[in-house]
Amino acid sequence: MQYMLLIYTPAEGGPGRDELQAEHPRWMQYTQDLQESGVLVAGDALQGTDTATAVRVRNDETLVTDGPFAETKELLGGYYLIDVPDLDTALAWAAKIPSVGYGSVEVRPIMVFDQG
């Protein structure tokens, strides 16, 4: 099964720039561990919410808004898509994500549609 590990960090009060730079080698090691175990399908960090653009269509009118969609306490900072046997294995990988000590990781199974 495939699971998406959605990585959230605090919007305020999280680690500073120096702390994040010091954490970088842990992220590289985590990604390498996923690759070497054969479970990594995809993964990337996302740029900040100040670079986001939200698109909505209402009454056939396309509305484009710069910046974050909504105020939130946590920001989606990146993701990993992994292919593992079960939820317990996905949760174990999520618990190893470097930012889990000050952020959170949402683990969601990928929906598979019947091709018939």
PDB file of N, CA and C in Angstrom:
ATOM      1  N   MET A   1       0.831  -1.189   0.000  1.00  0.00           N
ATOM      2  CA  MET A   1       0.000   0.000   0.000  1.00  0.00           C
ATOM      3  C   MET A   1       0.872   1.248   0.000  1.00  0.00           C
ATOM      4  N   GLN A   2       0.335   2.280  -0.587  1.00  0.00           N
ATOM      5  CA  GLN A   2       1.054   3.543  -0.568  1.00  0.00           C
ATOM      6  C   GLN A   2       0.427   4.477   0.451  1.00  0.00           C
ATOM      7  N   TYR A   3       1.292   5.210   1.142  1.00  0.00           N
ATOM      8  CA  TYR A   3       0.872   6.169   2.150  1.00  0.00           C
ATOM      9  C   TYR A   3       1.576   7.496   1.901  1.00  0.00           C
ATOM     10  N   MET A   4       0.842   8.573   2.107  1.00  0.00           N
ATOM     11  CA  MET A   4       1.410   9.912   2.024  1.00  0.00           C
ATOM     12  C   MET A   4       1.718  10.358   3.443  1.00  0.00           C
ATOM     13  N   LEU A   5       2.964  10.761   3.655  1.00  0.00           N
ATOM     14  CA  LEU A   5       3.372  11.324   4.940  1.00  0.00           C
ATOM     15  C   LEU A   5       3.421  12.833   4.742  1.00  0.00           C
ATOM     16  N   LEU A   6       2.444  13.540   5.278  1.00  0.00           N
ATOM     17  CA  LEU A   6       2.346  14.990   5.139  1.00  0.00           C
ATOM     18  C   LEU A   6       3.010  15.625   6.349  1.00  0.00           C
ATOM     19  N   ILE A   7       4.028  16.433   6.111  1.00  0.00           N
ATOM     20  CA  ILE A   7       4.879  16.956   7.175  1.00  0.00           C
ATOM     21  C   ILE A   7       4.464  18.388   7.510  1.00  0.00           C
ATOM     22  N   TYR A   8       4.023  18.584   8.742  1.00  0.00           N
ATOM     23  CA  TYR A   8       3.584  19.898   9.210  1.00  0.00           C
ATOM     24  C   TYR A   8       4.555  20.438  10.252  1.00  0.00           C
ATOM     25  N   THR A   9       4.779  21.741  10.196  1.00  0.00           N
ATOM     26  CA  THR A   9       5.613  22.414  11.187  1.00  0.00           C
ATOM     27  C   THR A   9       4.829  23.585  11.760  1.00  0.00           C
ATOM     28  N   PRO A  10       5.180  24.037  12.952  1.00  0.00           N
ATOM     29  CA  PRO A  10       4.439  25.140  13.561  1.00  0.00           C
ATOM     30  C   PRO A  10       4.545  26.416  12.725  1.00  0.00           C
ATOM     31  N   ALA A  11       3.429  27.138  12.614  1.00  0.00           N
ATOM     32  CA  ALA A  11       3.431  28.424  11.914  1.00  0.00           C
ATOM     33  C   ALA A  11       4.237  29.450  12.705  1.00  0.00           C
ATOM     34  N   GLU A  12       4.218  29.315  14.016  1.00  0.00           N
ATOM     35  CA  GLU A  12       4.972  30.221  14.889  1.00  0.00           C
ATOM     36  C   GLU A  12       5.618  29.400  16.007  1.00  0.00           C
ATOM     37  N   GLY A  13       6.774  29.848  16.455  1.00  0.00           N
ATOM     38  CA  GLY A  13       7.420  29.216  17.596  1.00  0.00           C
ATOM     39  C   GLY A  13       8.213  27.966  17.274  1.00  0.00           C
ATOM     40  N   GLY A  14       8.435  27.686  16.009  1.00  0.00           N
ATOM     41  CA  GLY A  14       9.234  26.527  15.633  1.00  0.00           C
ATOM     42  C   GLY A  14      10.714  26.843  15.716  1.00  0.00           C
ATOM     43  N   PRO A  15      11.529  25.946  15.234  1.00  0.00           N
ATOM     44  CA  PRO A  15      12.972  26.155  15.279  1.00  0.00           C
ATOM     45  C   PRO A  15      13.395  27.338  14.406  1.00  0.00           C
ATOM     46  N   GLY A  16      14.496  27.952  14.789  1.00  0.00           N
ATOM     47  CA  GLY A  16      15.042  29.071  14.038  1.00  0.00           C
ATOM     48  C   GLY A  16      15.855  28.591  12.846  1.00  0.00           C
ATOM     49  N   ARG A  17      16.320  29.542  12.052  1.00  0.00           N
ATOM     50  CA  ARG A  17      17.067  29.247  10.828  1.00  0.00           C
ATOM     51  C   ARG A  17      18.302  28.386  11.104  1.00  0.00           C
ATOM     52  N   ASP A  18      19.063  28.728  12.139  1.00  0.00           N
ATOM     53  CA  ASP A  18      20.267  27.960  12.471  1.00  0.00           C
ATOM     54  C   ASP A  18      19.915  26.528  12.871  1.00  0.00           C
ATOM     55  N   GLU A  19      18.848  26.376  13.650  1.00  0.00           N
ATOM     56  CA  GLU A  19      18.425  25.036  14.069  1.00  0.00           C
ATOM     57  C   GLU A  19      17.982  24.204  12.862  1.00  0.00           C
ATOM     58  N   LEU A  20      17.277  24.834  11.933  1.00  0.00           N
ATOM     59  CA  LEU A  20      16.836  24.122  10.741  1.00  0.00           C
ATOM     60  C   LEU A  20      18.023  23.693   9.881  1.00  0.00           C
ATOM     61  N   GLN A  21      19.024  24.556   9.767  1.00  0.00           N
ATOM     62  CA  GLN A  21      20.225  24.194   9.010  1.00  0.00           C
ATOM     63  C   GLN A  21      20.962  23.043   9.677  1.00  0.00           C
ATOM     64  N   ALA A  22      21.017  23.062  10.992  1.00  0.00           N
ATOM     65  CA  ALA A  22      21.679  21.981  11.725  1.00  0.00           C
ATOM     66  C   ALA A  22      20.918  20.657  11.556  1.00  0.00           C
ATOM     67  N   GLU A  23      19.619  20.727  11.332  1.00  0.00           N
ATOM     68  CA  GLU A  23      18.785  19.540  11.169  1.00  0.00           C
ATOM     69  C   GLU A  23      18.896  18.948   9.756  1.00  0.00           C
ATOM     70  N   HIS A  24      19.386  19.720   8.811  1.00  0.00           N
ATOM     71  CA  HIS A  24      19.438  19.306   7.403  1.00  0.00           C
ATOM     72  C   HIS A  24      20.079  17.927   7.190  1.00  0.00           C
ATOM     73  N   PRO A  25      21.223  17.625   7.814  1.00  0.00           N
ATOM     74  CA  PRO A  25      21.814  16.288   7.618  1.00  0.00           C
ATOM     75  C   PRO A  25      20.889  15.154   8.060  1.00  0.00           C
ATOM     76  N   ARG A  26      20.074  15.385   9.071  1.00  0.00           N
ATOM     77  CA  ARG A  26      19.120  14.353   9.511  1.00  0.00           C
ATOM     78  C   ARG A  26      18.077  14.090   8.431  1.00  0.00           C
ATOM     79  N   TRP A  27      17.645  15.149   7.723  1.00  0.00           N
ATOM     80  CA  TRP A  27      16.688  14.982   6.627  1.00  0.00           C
ATOM     81  C   TRP A  27      17.320  14.188   5.488  1.00  0.00           C
ATOM     82  N   MET A  28      18.567  14.507   5.172  1.00  0.00           N
ATOM     83  CA  MET A  28      19.250  13.791   4.096  1.00  0.00           C
ATOM     84  C   MET A  28      19.395  12.316   4.443  1.00  0.00           C
ATOM     85  N   GLN A  29      19.731  12.023   5.700  1.00  0.00           N
ATOM     86  CA  GLN A  29      19.877  10.636   6.150  1.00  0.00           C
ATOM     87  C   GLN A  29      18.534   9.913   6.121  1.00  0.00           C
ATOM     88  N   TYR A  30      17.469  10.592   6.564  1.00  0.00           N
ATOM     89  CA  TYR A  30      16.137   9.988   6.557  1.00  0.00           C
ATOM     90  C   TYR A  30      15.732   9.617   5.129  1.00  0.00           C
ATOM     91  N   THR A  31      15.933  10.554   4.195  1.00  0.00           N
ATOM     92  CA  THR A  31      15.591  10.298   2.800  1.00  0.00           C
ATOM     93  C   THR A  31      16.424   9.138   2.243  1.00  0.00           C
ATOM     94  N   GLN A  32      17.695   9.103   2.566  1.00  0.00           N
ATOM     95  CA  GLN A  32      18.558   8.006   2.127  1.00  0.00           C
ATOM     96  C   GLN A  32      18.075   6.678   2.705  1.00  0.00           C
ATOM     97  N   ASP A  33      17.668   6.678   3.971  1.00  0.00           N
ATOM     98  CA  ASP A  33      17.158   5.453   4.595  1.00  0.00           C
ATOM     99  C   ASP A  33      15.905   4.952   3.871  1.00  0.00           C
ATOM    100  N   LEU A  34      15.009   5.874   3.504  1.00  0.00           N
ATOM    101  CA  LEU A  34      13.816   5.491   2.752  1.00  0.00           C
ATOM    102  C   LEU A  34      14.203   4.883   1.403  1.00  0.00           C
ATOM    103  N   GLN A  35      15.146   5.535   0.724  1.00  0.00           N
ATOM    104  CA  GLN A  35      15.591   5.039  -0.586  1.00  0.00           C
ATOM    105  C   GLN A  35      16.224   3.657  -0.469  1.00  0.00           C
ATOM    106  N   GLU A  36      17.128   3.500   0.478  1.00  0.00           N
ATOM    107  CA  GLU A  36      17.840   2.229   0.627  1.00  0.00           C
ATOM    108  C   GLU A  36      16.923   1.087   1.041  1.00  0.00           C
ATOM    109  N   SER A  37      15.833   1.409   1.752  1.00  0.00           N
ATOM    110  CA  SER A  37      14.895   0.366   2.163  1.00  0.00           C
ATOM    111  C   SER A  37      13.939  -0.007   1.032  1.00  0.00           C
ATOM    112  N   GLY A  38      13.935   0.802  -0.031  1.00  0.00           N
ATOM    113  CA  GLY A  38      13.077   0.504  -1.178  1.00  0.00           C
ATOM    114  C   GLY A  38      11.636   0.950  -1.031  1.00  0.00           C
ATOM    115  N   VAL A  39      11.319   1.757  -0.034  1.00  0.00           N
ATOM    116  CA  VAL A  39       9.928   2.174   0.173  1.00  0.00           C
ATOM    117  C   VAL A  39       9.609   3.548  -0.407  1.00  0.00           C
ATOM    118  N   LEU A  40      10.623   4.347  -0.736  1.00  0.00           N
ATOM    119  CA  LEU A  40      10.379   5.707  -1.222  1.00  0.00           C
ATOM    120  C   LEU A  40       9.835   5.695  -2.644  1.00  0.00           C
ATOM    121  N   VAL A  41       8.683   6.345  -2.828  1.00  0.00           N
ATOM    122  CA  VAL A  41       8.101   6.533  -4.156  1.00  0.00           C
ATOM    123  C   VAL A  41       8.402   7.955  -4.633  1.00  0.00           C
ATOM    124  N   ALA A  42       8.202   8.940  -3.740  1.00  0.00           N
ATOM    125  CA  ALA A  42       8.450  10.346  -4.069  1.00  0.00           C
ATOM    126  C   ALA A  42       8.529  11.138  -2.777  1.00  0.00           C
ATOM    127  N   GLY A  43       9.041  12.336  -2.872  1.00  0.00           N
ATOM    128  CA  GLY A  43       9.087  13.214  -1.710  1.00  0.00           C
ATOM    129  C   GLY A  43       9.740  14.526  -2.071  1.00  0.00           C
ATOM    130  N   ASP A  44       9.252  15.588  -1.481  1.00  0.00           N
ATOM    131  CA  ASP A  44       9.812  16.914  -1.710  1.00  0.00           C
ATOM    132  C   ASP A  44       9.422  17.841  -0.574  1.00  0.00           C
ATOM    133  N   ALA A  45      10.257  18.860  -0.404  1.00  0.00           N
ATOM    134  CA  ALA A  45       9.915  19.966   0.487  1.00  0.00           C
ATOM    135  C   ALA A  45       9.124  20.977  -0.330  1.00  0.00           C
ATOM    136  N   LEU A  46       8.282  21.742   0.338  1.00  0.00           N
ATOM    137  CA  LEU A  46       7.505  22.781  -0.320  1.00  0.00           C
ATOM    138  C   LEU A  46       8.052  24.146   0.070  1.00  0.00           C
ATOM    139  N   GLN A  47       7.984  25.087  -0.852  1.00  0.00           N
ATOM    140  CA  GLN A  47       8.360  26.454  -0.516  1.00  0.00           C
ATOM    141  C   GLN A  47       7.326  27.016   0.453  1.00  0.00           C
ATOM    142  N   GLY A  48       7.644  28.147   1.072  1.00  0.00           N
ATOM    143  CA  GLY A  48       6.782  28.740   2.087  1.00  0.00           C
ATOM    144  C   GLY A  48       5.413  29.149   1.579  1.00  0.00           C
ATOM    145  N   THR A  49       4.495  29.310   2.511  1.00  0.00           N
ATOM    146  CA  THR A  49       3.125  29.665   2.149  1.00  0.00           C
ATOM    147  C   THR A  49       3.036  31.031   1.475  1.00  0.00           C
ATOM    148  N   ASP A  50       4.049  31.872   1.667  1.00  0.00           N
ATOM    149  CA  ASP A  50       4.031  33.175   1.000  1.00  0.00           C
ATOM    150  C   ASP A  50       4.195  33.032  -0.510  1.00  0.00           C
ATOM    151  N   THR A  51       4.589  31.853  -0.996  1.00  0.00           N
ATOM    152  CA  THR A  51       4.715  31.603  -2.434  1.00  0.00           C
ATOM    153  C   THR A  51       3.482  30.907  -2.996  1.00  0.00           C
ATOM    154  N   ALA A  52       2.514  30.577  -2.142  1.00  0.00           N
ATOM    155  CA  ALA A  52       1.335  29.812  -2.563  1.00  0.00           C
ATOM    156  C   ALA A  52       0.340  30.677  -3.332  1.00  0.00           C
ATOM    157  N   THR A  53      -0.410  30.015  -4.186  1.00  0.00           N
ATOM    158  CA  THR A  53      -1.517  30.638  -4.898  1.00  0.00           C
ATOM    159  C   THR A  53      -2.709  29.696  -4.797  1.00  0.00           C
ATOM    160  N   ALA A  54      -3.849  30.217  -4.370  1.00  0.00           N
ATOM    161  CA  ALA A  54      -5.066  29.415  -4.258  1.00  0.00           C
ATOM    162  C   ALA A  54      -5.972  29.726  -5.447  1.00  0.00           C
ATOM    163  N   VAL A  55      -6.547  28.679  -6.030  1.00  0.00           N
ATOM    164  CA  VAL A  55      -7.454  28.830  -7.159  1.00  0.00           C
ATOM    165  C   VAL A  55      -8.809  28.252  -6.777  1.00  0.00           C
ATOM    166  N   ARG A  56      -9.864  29.024  -7.009  1.00  0.00           N
ATOM    167  CA  ARG A  56     -11.234  28.579  -6.760  1.00  0.00           C
ATOM    168  C   ARG A  56     -12.071  28.946  -7.985  1.00  0.00           C
ATOM    169  N   VAL A  57     -13.055  28.119  -8.287  1.00  0.00           N
ATOM    170  CA  VAL A  57     -14.013  28.457  -9.334  1.00  0.00           C
ATOM    171  C   VAL A  57     -15.387  28.484  -8.689  1.00  0.00           C
ATOM    172  N   ARG A  58     -16.026  29.640  -8.771  1.00  0.00           N
ATOM    173  CA  ARG A  58     -17.365  29.827  -8.213  1.00  0.00           C
ATOM    174  C   ARG A  58     -18.237  30.478  -9.280  1.00  0.00           C
ATOM    175  N   ASN A  59     -19.388  29.863  -9.550  1.00  0.00           N
ATOM    176  CA  ASN A  59     -20.311  30.396 -10.560  1.00  0.00           C
ATOM    177  C   ASN A  59     -19.581  30.668 -11.872  1.00  0.00           C
ATOM    178  N   ASP A  60     -18.771  29.719 -12.302  1.00  0.00           N
ATOM    179  CA  ASP A  60     -18.001  29.798 -13.548  1.00  0.00           C
ATOM    180  C   ASP A  60     -16.968  30.914 -13.576  1.00  0.00           C
ATOM    181  N   GLU A  61     -16.652  31.497 -12.433  1.00  0.00           N
ATOM    182  CA  GLU A  61     -15.624  32.532 -12.356  1.00  0.00           C
ATOM    183  C   GLU A  61     -14.413  31.961 -11.610  1.00  0.00           C
ATOM    184  N   THR A  62     -13.246  32.096 -12.219  1.00  0.00           N
ATOM    185  CA  THR A  62     -12.013  31.628 -11.598  1.00  0.00           C
ATOM    186  C   THR A  62     -11.454  32.736 -10.719  1.00  0.00           C
ATOM    187  N   LEU A  63     -11.242  32.414  -9.449  1.00  0.00           N
ATOM    188  CA  LEU A  63     -10.706  33.358  -8.473  1.00  0.00           C
ATOM    189  C   LEU A  63      -9.313  32.894  -8.069  1.00  0.00           C
ATOM    190  N   VAL A  64      -8.345  33.775  -8.189  1.00  0.00           N
ATOM    191  CA  VAL A  64      -6.960  33.456  -7.840  1.00  0.00           C
ATOM    192  C   VAL A  64      -6.539  34.366  -6.702  1.00  0.00           C
ATOM    193  N   THR A  65      -6.019  33.747  -5.624  1.00  0.00           N
ATOM    194  CA  THR A  65      -5.597  34.499  -4.454  1.00  0.00           C
ATOM    195  C   THR A  65      -4.144  34.172  -4.142  1.00  0.00           C
ATOM    196  N   ASP A  66      -3.319  35.195  -3.981  1.00  0.00           N
ATOM    197  CA  ASP A  66      -1.926  34.988  -3.593  1.00  0.00           C
ATOM    198  C   ASP A  66      -1.832  34.707  -2.111  1.00  0.00           C
ATOM    199  N   GLY A  67      -0.787  33.987  -1.751  1.00  0.00           N
ATOM    200  CA  GLY A  67      -0.528  33.734  -0.340  1.00  0.00           C
ATOM    201  C   GLY A  67      -1.266  32.526   0.175  1.00  0.00           C
ATOM    202  N   PRO A  68      -1.170  32.278   1.472  1.00  0.00           N
ATOM    203  CA  PRO A  68      -1.785  31.073   2.043  1.00  0.00           C
ATOM    204  C   PRO A  68      -3.304  31.101   1.924  1.00  0.00           C
ATOM    205  N   PHE A  69      -3.859  29.920   1.821  1.00  0.00           N
ATOM    206  CA  PHE A  69      -5.304  29.766   1.686  1.00  0.00           C
ATOM    207  C   PHE A  69      -6.035  30.197   2.949  1.00  0.00           C
ATOM    208  N   ALA A  70      -5.502  29.820   4.114  1.00  0.00           N
ATOM    209  CA  ALA A  70      -6.190  30.110   5.369  1.00  0.00           C
ATOM    210  C   ALA A  70      -5.169  30.262   6.492  1.00  0.00           C
ATOM    211  N   GLU A  71      -5.581  30.945   7.540  1.00  0.00           N
ATOM    212  CA  GLU A  71      -4.761  31.025   8.748  1.00  0.00           C
ATOM    213  C   GLU A  71      -4.728  29.640   9.389  1.00  0.00           C
ATOM    214  N   THR A  72      -3.569  29.243   9.856  1.00  0.00           N
ATOM    215  CA  THR A  72      -3.440  27.918  10.454  1.00  0.00           C
ATOM    216  C   THR A  72      -2.322  27.930  11.494  1.00  0.00           C
ATOM    217  N   LYS A  73      -2.372  26.966  12.407  1.00  0.00           N
ATOM    218  CA  LYS A  73      -1.330  26.851  13.426  1.00  0.00           C
ATOM    219  C   LYS A  73      -0.146  26.041  12.933  1.00  0.00           C
ATOM    220  N   GLU A  74      -0.394  25.206  11.915  1.00  0.00           N
ATOM    221  CA  GLU A  74       0.677  24.401  11.343  1.00  0.00           C
ATOM    222  C   GLU A  74       0.700  24.596   9.825  1.00  0.00           C
ATOM    223  N   LEU A  75       1.893  24.504   9.258  1.00  0.00           N
ATOM    224  CA  LEU A  75       2.071  24.691   7.834  1.00  0.00           C
ATOM    225  C   LEU A  75       2.561  23.400   7.194  1.00  0.00           C
ATOM    226  N   LEU A  76       2.003  23.073   6.038  1.00  0.00           N
ATOM    227  CA  LEU A  76       2.459  21.909   5.292  1.00  0.00           C
ATOM    228  C   LEU A  76       3.799  22.248   4.667  1.00  0.00           C
ATOM    229  N   GLY A  77       4.843  21.548   5.092  1.00  0.00           N
ATOM    230  CA  GLY A  77       6.187  21.867   4.642  1.00  0.00           C
ATOM    231  C   GLY A  77       6.744  20.914   3.606  1.00  0.00           C
ATOM    232  N   GLY A  78       6.124  19.750   3.461  1.00  0.00           N
ATOM    233  CA  GLY A  78       6.614  18.778   2.505  1.00  0.00           C
ATOM    234  C   GLY A  78       5.903  17.450   2.666  1.00  0.00           C
ATOM    235  N   TYR A  79       6.368  16.481   1.905  1.00  0.00           N
ATOM    236  CA  TYR A  79       5.717  15.173   1.935  1.00  0.00           C
ATOM    237  C   TYR A  79       6.686  14.081   1.500  1.00  0.00           C
ATOM    238  N   TYR A  80       6.353  12.879   1.879  1.00  0.00           N
ATOM    239  CA  TYR A  80       6.957  11.676   1.323  1.00  0.00           C
ATOM    240  C   TYR A  80       5.812  10.767   0.919  1.00  0.00           C
ATOM    241  N   LEU A  81       5.951  10.112  -0.201  1.00  0.00           N
ATOM    242  CA  LEU A  81       5.033   9.068  -0.627  1.00  0.00           C
ATOM    243  C   LEU A  81       5.812   7.767  -0.518  1.00  0.00           C
ATOM    244  N   ILE A  82       5.306   6.851   0.307  1.00  0.00           N
ATOM    245  CA  ILE A  82       6.014   5.592   0.540  1.00  0.00           C
ATOM    246  C   ILE A  82       5.114   4.412   0.189  1.00  0.00           C
ATOM    247  N   ASP A  83       5.738   3.311  -0.151  1.00  0.00           N
ATOM    248  CA  ASP A  83       5.033   2.077  -0.469  1.00  0.00           C
ATOM    249  C   ASP A  83       5.491   1.031   0.541  1.00  0.00           C
ATOM    250  N   VAL A  84       4.600   0.711   1.469  1.00  0.00           N
ATOM    251  CA  VAL A  84       4.922  -0.197   2.566  1.00  0.00           C
ATOM    252  C   VAL A  84       3.791  -1.213   2.743  1.00  0.00           C
ATOM    253  N   PRO A  85       4.038  -2.293   3.469  1.00  0.00           N
ATOM    254  CA  PRO A  85       3.030  -3.351   3.596  1.00  0.00           C
ATOM    255  C   PRO A  85       1.754  -2.959   4.345  1.00  0.00           C
ATOM    256  N   ASP A  86       1.888  -2.037   5.329  1.00  0.00           N
ATOM    257  CA  ASP A  86       0.717  -1.758   6.163  1.00  0.00           C
ATOM    258  C   ASP A  86       0.855  -0.421   6.893  1.00  0.00           C
ATOM    259  N   LEU A  87      -0.228  -0.028   7.557  1.00  0.00           N
ATOM    260  CA  LEU A  87      -0.269   1.235   8.288  1.00  0.00           C
ATOM    261  C   LEU A  87       0.773   1.285   9.395  1.00  0.00           C
ATOM    262  N   ASP A  88       0.964   0.192  10.106  1.00  0.00           N
ATOM    263  CA  ASP A  88       1.950   0.194  11.191  1.00  0.00           C
ATOM    264  C   ASP A  88       3.350   0.541  10.684  1.00  0.00           C
ATOM    265  N   THR A  89       3.704   0.029   9.510  1.00  0.00           N
ATOM    266  CA  THR A  89       5.009   0.339   8.935  1.00  0.00           C
ATOM    267  C   THR A  89       5.083   1.806   8.537  1.00  0.00           C
ATOM    268  N   ALA A  90       3.997   2.325   7.964  1.00  0.00           N
ATOM    269  CA  ALA A  90       3.949   3.749   7.597  1.00  0.00           C
ATOM    270  C   ALA A  90       4.081   4.628   8.838  1.00  0.00           C
ATOM    271  N   LEU A  91       3.417   4.255   9.922  1.00  0.00           N
ATOM    272  CA  LEU A  91       3.493   5.022  11.170  1.00  0.00           C
ATOM    273  C   LEU A  91       4.906   4.986  11.745  1.00  0.00           C
ATOM    274  N   ALA A  92       5.562   3.844  11.623  1.00  0.00           N
ATOM    275  CA  ALA A  92       6.941   3.735  12.116  1.00  0.00           C
ATOM    276  C   ALA A  92       7.864   4.671  11.342  1.00  0.00           C
ATOM    277  N   TRP A  93       7.699   4.754  10.015  1.00  0.00           N
ATOM    278  CA  TRP A  93       8.504   5.685   9.221  1.00  0.00           C
ATOM    279  C   TRP A  93       8.169   7.129   9.585  1.00  0.00           C
ATOM    280  N   ALA A  94       6.896   7.427   9.796  1.00  0.00           N
ATOM    281  CA  ALA A  94       6.479   8.787  10.160  1.00  0.00           C
ATOM    282  C   ALA A  94       7.116   9.224  11.484  1.00  0.00           C
ATOM    283  N   ALA A  95       7.231   8.304  12.417  1.00  0.00           N
ATOM    284  CA  ALA A  95       7.797   8.615  13.732  1.00  0.00           C
ATOM    285  C   ALA A  95       9.282   8.948  13.660  1.00  0.00           C
ATOM    286  N   LYS A  96       9.937   8.611  12.548  1.00  0.00           N
ATOM    287  CA  LYS A  96      11.367   8.874  12.384  1.00  0.00           C
ATOM    288  C   LYS A  96      11.655  10.199  11.668  1.00  0.00           C
ATOM    289  N   ILE A  97      10.624  10.881  11.205  1.00  0.00           N
ATOM    290  CA  ILE A  97      10.836  12.138  10.480  1.00  0.00           C
ATOM    291  C   ILE A  97      11.474  13.153  11.431  1.00  0.00           C
ATOM    292  N   PRO A  98      12.532  13.817  10.995  1.00  0.00           N
ATOM    293  CA  PRO A  98      13.290  14.715  11.881  1.00  0.00           C
ATOM    294  C   PRO A  98      12.469  15.791  12.595  1.00  0.00           C
ATOM    295  N   SER A  99      11.440  16.314  11.974  1.00  0.00           N
ATOM    296  CA  SER A  99      10.669  17.408  12.589  1.00  0.00           C
ATOM    297  C   SER A  99       9.529  16.935  13.484  1.00  0.00           C
ATOM    298  N   VAL A 100       9.362  15.636  13.637  1.00  0.00           N
ATOM    299  CA  VAL A 100       8.211  15.137  14.388  1.00  0.00           C
ATOM    300  C   VAL A 100       8.256  15.555  15.865  1.00  0.00           C
ATOM    301  N   GLY A 101       9.432  15.906  16.360  1.00  0.00           N
ATOM    302  CA  GLY A 101       9.560  16.334  17.751  1.00  0.00           C
ATOM    303  C   GLY A 101       8.969  17.707  18.038  1.00  0.00           C
ATOM    304  N   TYR A 102       8.797  18.530  17.022  1.00  0.00           N
ATOM    305  CA  TYR A 102       8.195  19.854  17.218  1.00  0.00           C
ATOM    306  C   TYR A 102       7.040  20.117  16.259  1.00  0.00           C
ATOM    307  N   GLY A 103       6.824  19.238  15.297  1.00  0.00           N
ATOM    308  CA  GLY A 103       5.720  19.368  14.348  1.00  0.00           C
ATOM    309  C   GLY A 103       4.840  18.139  14.412  1.00  0.00           C
ATOM    310  N   SER A 104       4.232  17.803  13.292  1.00  0.00           N
ATOM    311  CA  SER A 104       3.417  16.590  13.234  1.00  0.00           C
ATOM    312  C   SER A 104       3.488  16.014  11.828  1.00  0.00           C
ATOM    313  N   VAL A 105       3.127  14.751  11.721  1.00  0.00           N
ATOM    314  CA  VAL A 105       3.093  14.072  10.433  1.00  0.00           C
ATOM    315  C   VAL A 105       1.728  13.417  10.300  1.00  0.00           C
ATOM    316  N   GLU A 106       1.018  13.788   9.262  1.00  0.00           N
ATOM    317  CA  GLU A 106      -0.267  13.163   8.964  1.00  0.00           C
ATOM    318  C   GLU A 106      -0.004  12.013   8.004  1.00  0.00           C
ATOM    319  N   VAL A 107      -0.477  10.832   8.348  1.00  0.00           N
ATOM    320  CA  VAL A 107      -0.275   9.639   7.531  1.00  0.00           C
ATOM    321  C   VAL A 107      -1.617   9.284   6.897  1.00  0.00           C
ATOM    322  N   ARG A 108      -1.634   9.288   5.560  1.00  0.00           N
ATOM    323  CA  ARG A 108      -2.890   9.004   4.859  1.00  0.00           C
ATOM    324  C   ARG A 108      -2.654   7.992   3.753  1.00  0.00           C
ATOM    325  N   PRO A 109      -3.510   6.964   3.706  1.00  0.00           N
ATOM    326  CA  PRO A 109      -3.388   5.996   2.624  1.00  0.00           C
ATOM    327  C   PRO A 109      -3.829   6.619   1.299  1.00  0.00           C
ATOM    328  N   ILE A 110      -3.171   6.194   0.231  1.00  0.00           N
ATOM    329  CA  ILE A 110      -3.541   6.638  -1.109  1.00  0.00           C
ATOM    330  C   ILE A 110      -4.769   5.844  -1.548  1.00  0.00           C
ATOM    331  N   MET A 111      -5.748   6.534  -2.078  1.00  0.00           N
ATOM    332  CA  MET A 111      -6.969   5.878  -2.539  1.00  0.00           C
ATOM    333  C   MET A 111      -6.704   5.223  -3.894  1.00  0.00           C
ATOM    334  N   VAL A 112      -7.109   3.975  -4.007  1.00  0.00           N
ATOM    335  CA  VAL A 112      -6.949   3.243  -5.248  1.00  0.00           C
ATOM    336  C   VAL A 112      -8.337   3.085  -5.877  1.00  0.00           C
ATOM    337  N   PHE A 113      -8.451   3.534  -7.126  1.00  0.00           N
ATOM    338  CA  PHE A 113      -9.729   3.456  -7.834  1.00  0.00           C
ATOM    339  C   PHE A 113      -9.776   2.205  -8.704  1.00  0.00           C
ATOM    340  N   ASP A 114     -10.932   1.575  -8.734  1.00  0.00           N
ATOM    341  CA  ASP A 114     -11.143   0.404  -9.575  1.00  0.00           C
ATOM    342  C   ASP A 114     -11.090   0.841 -11.036  1.00  0.00           C
ATOM    343  N   GLN A 115     -10.251   0.188 -11.813  1.00  0.00           N
ATOM    344  CA  GLN A 115     -10.075   0.567 -13.207  1.00  0.00           C
ATOM    345  C   GLN A 115     -11.144  -0.060 -14.108  1.00  0.00           C
ATOM    346  N   GLY A 116     -12.056  -0.850 -13.548  1.00  0.00           N
ATOM    347  CA  GLY A 116     -13.054  -1.566 -14.344  1.00  0.00           C
ATOM    348  C   GLY A 116     -14.210  -0.803 -14.802  1.00  0.00           C
TER     349      GLY A 116
END
